[in-house]
PDB file of all heavy atoms in Angstrom:
ATOM      1  N   ASP A   1       9.140  14.207  48.850  1.00  0.00           N
ATOM      2  CA  ASP A   1       9.994  12.995  48.808  1.00  0.00           C
ATOM      3  C   ASP A   1       9.663  11.922  49.797  1.00  0.00           C
ATOM      4  O   ASP A   1       9.738  10.705  49.510  1.00  0.00           O
ATOM      5  CB  ASP A   1      11.491  13.488  49.059  1.00  0.00           C
ATOM      6  CG  ASP A   1      12.474  12.275  48.941  1.00  0.00           C
ATOM      7  OD1 ASP A   1      12.623  11.666  47.812  1.00  0.00           O
ATOM      8  OD2 ASP A   1      13.073  11.889  49.856  1.00  0.00           O
ATOM      9  N   MET A   2       9.402  12.301  51.026  1.00  0.00           N
ATOM     10  CA  MET A   2       8.996  11.284  51.966  1.00  0.00           C
ATOM     11  C   MET A   2       7.672  10.582  51.678  1.00  0.00           C
ATOM     12  O   MET A   2       7.603   9.388  51.817  1.00  0.00           O
ATOM     13  CB  MET A   2       8.857  12.007  53.441  1.00  0.00           C
ATOM     14  CG  MET A   2       8.425  11.029  54.474  1.00  0.00           C
ATOM     15  SD  MET A   2       9.580   9.629  54.778  1.00  0.00           S
ATOM     16  CE  MET A   2      11.014  10.405  55.330  1.00  0.00           C
ATOM     17  N   ALA A   3       6.684  11.347  51.171  1.00  0.00           N
ATOM     18  CA  ALA A   3       5.605  10.731  50.665  1.00  0.00           C
ATOM     19  C   ALA A   3       5.779   9.594  49.665  1.00  0.00           C
ATOM     20  O   ALA A   3       5.171   8.464  49.741  1.00  0.00           O
ATOM     21  CB  ALA A   3       4.569  11.776  50.135  1.00  0.00           C
ATOM     22  N   GLY A   4       6.670   9.872  48.797  1.00  0.00           N
ATOM     23  CA  GLY A   4       7.111   8.855  47.755  1.00  0.00           C
ATOM     24  C   GLY A   4       7.759   7.669  48.356  1.00  0.00           C
ATOM     25  O   GLY A   4       7.677   6.647  47.849  1.00  0.00           O
ATOM     26  N   ARG A   5       8.605   8.005  49.361  1.00  0.00           N
ATOM     27  CA  ARG A   5       9.183   6.774  50.036  1.00  0.00           C
ATOM     28  C   ARG A   5       8.334   6.018  50.833  1.00  0.00           C
ATOM     29  O   ARG A   5       8.519   4.848  50.982  1.00  0.00           O
ATOM     30  CB  ARG A   5      10.302   7.322  50.858  1.00  0.00           C
ATOM     31  CG  ARG A   5      11.546   8.026  50.001  1.00  0.00           C
ATOM     32  CD  ARG A   5      12.674   8.567  50.717  1.00  0.00           C
ATOM     33  NE  ARG A   5      12.876   8.246  52.061  1.00  0.00           N
ATOM     34  CZ  ARG A   5      13.506   9.006  52.923  1.00  0.00           C
ATOM     35  NH1 ARG A   5      13.920  10.205  52.528  1.00  0.00           N
ATOM     36  NH2 ARG A   5      13.708   8.628  54.159  1.00  0.00           N
ATOM     37  N   LEU A   6       7.320   6.593  51.403  1.00  0.00           N
ATOM     38  CA  LEU A   6       6.344   5.839  52.185  1.00  0.00           C
ATOM     39  C   LEU A   6       5.251   5.069  51.394  1.00  0.00           C
ATOM     40  O   LEU A   6       4.838   3.889  51.723  1.00  0.00           O
ATOM     41  CB  LEU A   6       5.593   6.821  53.163  1.00  0.00           C
ATOM     42  CG  LEU A   6       6.386   7.460  54.315  1.00  0.00           C
ATOM     43  CD1 LEU A   6       5.511   8.500  55.013  1.00  0.00           C
ATOM     44  CD2 LEU A   6       6.955   6.478  55.175  1.00  0.00           C
ATOM     45  N   ALA A   7       4.819   5.658  50.309  1.00  0.00           N
ATOM     46  CA  ALA A   7       3.833   5.109  49.459  1.00  0.00           C
ATOM     47  C   ALA A   7       4.348   5.024  47.955  1.00  0.00           C
ATOM     48  O   ALA A   7       4.386   6.119  47.242  1.00  0.00           O
ATOM     49  CB  ALA A   7       2.586   5.970  49.491  1.00  0.00           C
ATOM     50  N   ALA A   8       4.699   3.903  47.524  1.00  0.00           N
ATOM     51  CA  ALA A   8       5.210   3.765  46.096  1.00  0.00           C
ATOM     52  C   ALA A   8       4.238   4.304  45.097  1.00  0.00           C
ATOM     53  O   ALA A   8       4.613   4.747  43.973  1.00  0.00           O
ATOM     54  CB  ALA A   8       5.551   2.354  45.857  1.00  0.00           C
ATOM     55  N   GLN A   9       2.912   4.246  45.421  1.00  0.00           N
ATOM     56  CA  GLN A   9       1.956   4.643  44.377  1.00  0.00           C
ATOM     57  C   GLN A   9       1.803   6.175  44.367  1.00  0.00           C
ATOM     58  O   GLN A   9       1.125   6.678  43.386  1.00  0.00           O
ATOM     59  CB  GLN A   9       0.691   4.006  44.599  1.00  0.00           C
ATOM     60  CG  GLN A   9      -0.090   4.425  45.879  1.00  0.00           C
ATOM     61  CD  GLN A   9      -1.178   3.538  46.310  1.00  0.00           C
ATOM     62  OE1 GLN A   9      -0.983   2.696  47.008  1.00  0.00           O
ATOM     63  NE2 GLN A   9      -2.385   3.700  45.746  1.00  0.00           N
ATOM     64  N   TYR A  10       2.381   6.906  45.197  1.00  0.00           N
ATOM     65  CA  TYR A  10       2.448   8.418  45.255  1.00  0.00           C
ATOM     66  C   TYR A  10       3.331   8.901  44.168  1.00  0.00           C
ATOM     67  O   TYR A  10       4.504   8.481  44.122  1.00  0.00           O
ATOM     68  CB  TYR A  10       2.734   9.042  46.484  1.00  0.00           C
ATOM     69  CG  TYR A  10       2.953  10.425  46.396  1.00  0.00           C
ATOM     70  CD1 TYR A  10       1.867  11.338  46.218  1.00  0.00           C
ATOM     71  CD2 TYR A  10       4.119  11.029  46.384  1.00  0.00           C
ATOM     72  CE1 TYR A  10       2.013  12.696  46.126  1.00  0.00           C
ATOM     73  CE2 TYR A  10       4.450  12.372  46.229  1.00  0.00           C
ATOM     74  CZ  TYR A  10       3.310  13.282  46.135  1.00  0.00           C
ATOM     75  OH  TYR A  10       3.529  14.503  45.941  1.00  0.00           O
ATOM     76  N   HIS A  11       2.849   9.661  43.174  1.00  0.00           N
ATOM     77  CA  HIS A  11       3.622  10.129  42.099  1.00  0.00           C
ATOM     78  C   HIS A  11       3.603  11.589  41.885  1.00  0.00           C
ATOM     79  O   HIS A  11       3.461  12.053  40.753  1.00  0.00           O
ATOM     80  CB  HIS A  11       3.386   9.381  40.814  1.00  0.00           C
ATOM     81  CG  HIS A  11       3.819   7.978  40.827  1.00  0.00           C
ATOM     82  ND1 HIS A  11       5.019   7.490  40.980  1.00  0.00           N
ATOM     83  CD2 HIS A  11       2.919   6.802  40.859  1.00  0.00           C
ATOM     84  CE1 HIS A  11       4.970   6.191  41.058  1.00  0.00           C
ATOM     85  NE2 HIS A  11       3.748   5.740  41.032  1.00  0.00           N
ATOM     86  N   GLY A  12       3.232  12.306  42.889  1.00  0.00           N
ATOM     87  CA  GLY A  12       3.084  13.820  42.868  1.00  0.00           C
ATOM     88  C   GLY A  12       1.618  14.209  42.678  1.00  0.00           C
ATOM     89  O   GLY A  12       0.744  13.437  42.797  1.00  0.00           O
ATOM     90  N   GLY A  13       1.491  15.485  42.604  1.00  0.00           N
ATOM     91  CA  GLY A  13       0.127  16.030  42.590  1.00  0.00           C
ATOM     92  C   GLY A  13      -0.124  17.348  43.488  1.00  0.00           C
ATOM     93  O   GLY A  13       0.950  17.752  44.056  1.00  0.00           O
ATOM     94  N   TYR A  14      -1.114  17.846  43.413  1.00  0.00           N
ATOM     95  CA  TYR A  14      -1.477  19.154  44.197  1.00  0.00           C
ATOM     96  C   TYR A  14      -1.735  18.691  45.691  1.00  0.00           C
ATOM     97  O   TYR A  14      -2.346  17.701  46.021  1.00  0.00           O
ATOM     98  CB  TYR A  14      -2.765  19.712  43.643  1.00  0.00           C
ATOM     99  CG  TYR A  14      -3.152  21.095  44.322  1.00  0.00           C
ATOM    100  CD1 TYR A  14      -2.419  22.202  43.748  1.00  0.00           C
ATOM    101  CD2 TYR A  14      -3.984  21.142  45.283  1.00  0.00           C
ATOM    102  CE1 TYR A  14      -2.712  23.336  44.424  1.00  0.00           C
ATOM    103  CE2 TYR A  14      -4.345  22.299  45.884  1.00  0.00           C
ATOM    104  CZ  TYR A  14      -3.627  23.486  45.454  1.00  0.00           C
ATOM    105  OH  TYR A  14      -3.855  24.681  45.984  1.00  0.00           O
ATOM    106  N   TRP A  15      -1.212  19.551  46.499  1.00  0.00           N
ATOM    107  CA  TRP A  15      -1.302  19.256  47.993  1.00  0.00           C
ATOM    108  C   TRP A  15      -1.997  20.457  48.584  1.00  0.00           C
ATOM    109  O   TRP A  15      -2.030  21.506  48.227  1.00  0.00           O
ATOM    110  CB  TRP A  15       0.058  19.230  48.664  1.00  0.00           C
ATOM    111  CG  TRP A  15       0.964  18.002  48.335  1.00  0.00           C
ATOM    112  CD1 TRP A  15       1.204  17.486  47.183  1.00  0.00           C
ATOM    113  CD2 TRP A  15       1.361  17.055  49.329  1.00  0.00           C
ATOM    114  NE1 TRP A  15       1.897  16.263  47.371  1.00  0.00           N
ATOM    115  CE2 TRP A  15       2.023  16.019  48.709  1.00  0.00           C
ATOM    116  CE3 TRP A  15       1.318  17.015  50.674  1.00  0.00           C
ATOM    117  CZ2 TRP A  15       2.628  14.974  49.304  1.00  0.00           C
ATOM    118  CZ3 TRP A  15       1.974  15.995  51.394  1.00  0.00           C
ATOM    119  CH2 TRP A  15       2.650  15.002  50.734  1.00  0.00           C
ATOM    120  N   LEU A  16      -2.921  20.007  49.581  1.00  0.00           N
ATOM    121  CA  LEU A  16      -3.629  20.909  50.374  1.00  0.00           C
ATOM    122  C   LEU A  16      -2.960  21.258  51.575  1.00  0.00           C
ATOM    123  O   LEU A  16      -2.117  20.483  52.175  1.00  0.00           O
ATOM    124  CB  LEU A  16      -4.959  20.214  50.723  1.00  0.00           C
ATOM    125  CG  LEU A  16      -5.908  19.814  49.589  1.00  0.00           C
ATOM    126  CD1 LEU A  16      -7.008  18.938  50.170  1.00  0.00           C
ATOM    127  CD2 LEU A  16      -6.416  20.909  48.747  1.00  0.00           C
ATOM    128  N   PHE A  17      -3.067  22.605  51.991  1.00  0.00           N
ATOM    129  CA  PHE A  17      -2.333  23.071  53.175  1.00  0.00           C
ATOM    130  C   PHE A  17      -3.289  23.339  54.331  1.00  0.00           C
ATOM    131  O   PHE A  17      -4.395  23.874  54.016  1.00  0.00           O
ATOM    132  CB  PHE A  17      -1.616  24.358  52.900  1.00  0.00           C
ATOM    133  CG  PHE A  17      -0.465  24.342  51.965  1.00  0.00           C
ATOM    134  CD1 PHE A  17      -0.057  23.232  51.397  1.00  0.00           C
ATOM    135  CD2 PHE A  17       0.255  25.434  51.677  1.00  0.00           C
ATOM    136  CE1 PHE A  17       1.099  23.207  50.627  1.00  0.00           C
ATOM    137  CE2 PHE A  17       1.368  25.425  50.893  1.00  0.00           C
ATOM    138  CZ  PHE A  17       1.751  24.269  50.276  1.00  0.00           C
ATOM    139  N   TYR A  18      -2.985  22.951  55.488  1.00  0.00           N
ATOM    140  CA  TYR A  18      -3.894  23.036  56.643  1.00  0.00           C
ATOM    141  C   TYR A  18      -3.193  23.850  57.786  1.00  0.00           C
ATOM    142  O   TYR A  18      -2.067  23.537  58.166  1.00  0.00           O
ATOM    143  CB  TYR A  18      -4.283  21.668  57.143  1.00  0.00           C
ATOM    144  CG  TYR A  18      -5.112  20.890  56.171  1.00  0.00           C
ATOM    145  CD1 TYR A  18      -4.539  19.958  55.364  1.00  0.00           C
ATOM    146  CD2 TYR A  18      -6.496  21.141  56.145  1.00  0.00           C
ATOM    147  CE1 TYR A  18      -5.199  19.319  54.374  1.00  0.00           C
ATOM    148  CE2 TYR A  18      -7.265  20.398  55.240  1.00  0.00           C
ATOM    149  CZ  TYR A  18      -6.655  19.562  54.372  1.00  0.00           C
ATOM    150  OH  TYR A  18      -7.526  18.884  53.388  1.00  0.00           O
ATOM    151  N   ALA A  19      -3.959  24.850  58.281  1.00  0.00           N
ATOM    152  CA  ALA A  19      -3.537  25.613  59.484  1.00  0.00           C
ATOM    153  C   ALA A  19      -4.298  24.891  60.688  1.00  0.00           C
ATOM    154  O   ALA A  19      -5.464  24.706  60.593  1.00  0.00           O
ATOM    155  CB  ALA A  19      -3.978  27.010  59.365  1.00  0.00           C
ATOM    156  N   LEU A  20      -3.567  24.691  61.680  1.00  0.00           N
ATOM    157  CA  LEU A  20      -4.152  24.100  62.875  1.00  0.00           C
ATOM    158  C   LEU A  20      -4.453  25.151  63.990  1.00  0.00           C
ATOM    159  O   LEU A  20      -3.688  26.218  64.084  1.00  0.00           O
ATOM    160  CB  LEU A  20      -3.163  23.010  63.530  1.00  0.00           C
ATOM    161  CG  LEU A  20      -2.795  21.861  62.606  1.00  0.00           C
ATOM    162  CD1 LEU A  20      -1.798  20.920  63.248  1.00  0.00           C
ATOM    163  CD2 LEU A  20      -3.917  21.143  61.996  1.00  0.00           C
ATOM    164  N   SER A  21      -5.494  24.885  64.762  1.00  0.00           N
ATOM    165  CA  SER A  21      -5.900  25.895  65.695  1.00  0.00           C
ATOM    166  C   SER A  21      -4.923  26.066  66.777  1.00  0.00           C
ATOM    167  O   SER A  21      -4.951  27.058  67.448  1.00  0.00           O
ATOM    168  CB  SER A  21      -7.258  25.435  66.374  1.00  0.00           C
ATOM    169  OG  SER A  21      -7.206  24.199  66.904  1.00  0.00           O
ATOM    170  N   ASN A  22      -3.927  25.139  66.960  1.00  0.00           N
ATOM    171  CA  ASN A  22      -2.910  25.275  67.967  1.00  0.00           C
ATOM    172  C   ASN A  22      -1.637  26.111  67.478  1.00  0.00           C
ATOM    173  O   ASN A  22      -0.574  26.137  67.963  1.00  0.00           O
ATOM    174  CB  ASN A  22      -2.508  24.024  68.550  1.00  0.00           C
ATOM    175  CG  ASN A  22      -1.944  23.017  67.665  1.00  0.00           C
ATOM    176  OD1 ASN A  22      -1.708  23.342  66.435  1.00  0.00           O
ATOM    177  ND2 ASN A  22      -1.500  21.858  68.173  1.00  0.00           N
ATOM    178  N   GLY A  23      -1.662  26.476  66.115  1.00  0.00           N
ATOM    179  CA  GLY A  23      -0.614  27.153  65.463  1.00  0.00           C
ATOM    180  C   GLY A  23       0.168  26.170  64.556  1.00  0.00           C
ATOM    181  O   GLY A  23       1.263  26.623  63.951  1.00  0.00           O
ATOM    182  N   GLY A  24      -0.137  24.983  64.527  1.00  0.00           N
ATOM    183  CA  GLY A  24       0.572  23.899  63.714  1.00  0.00           C
ATOM    184  C   GLY A  24       0.097  24.077  62.210  1.00  0.00           C
ATOM    185  O   GLY A  24      -0.753  24.748  61.806  1.00  0.00           O
TER     186      GLY A  24
END
C-alpha cells in the first residue's frame, strides 16, 4: 500500500526479498 501511495505508477507485481548482513 505504501509503495502505491509513494509512486502512482506502481500497480503491484512480484517483490524480491532481501536479508541484510546485520539481521535486517
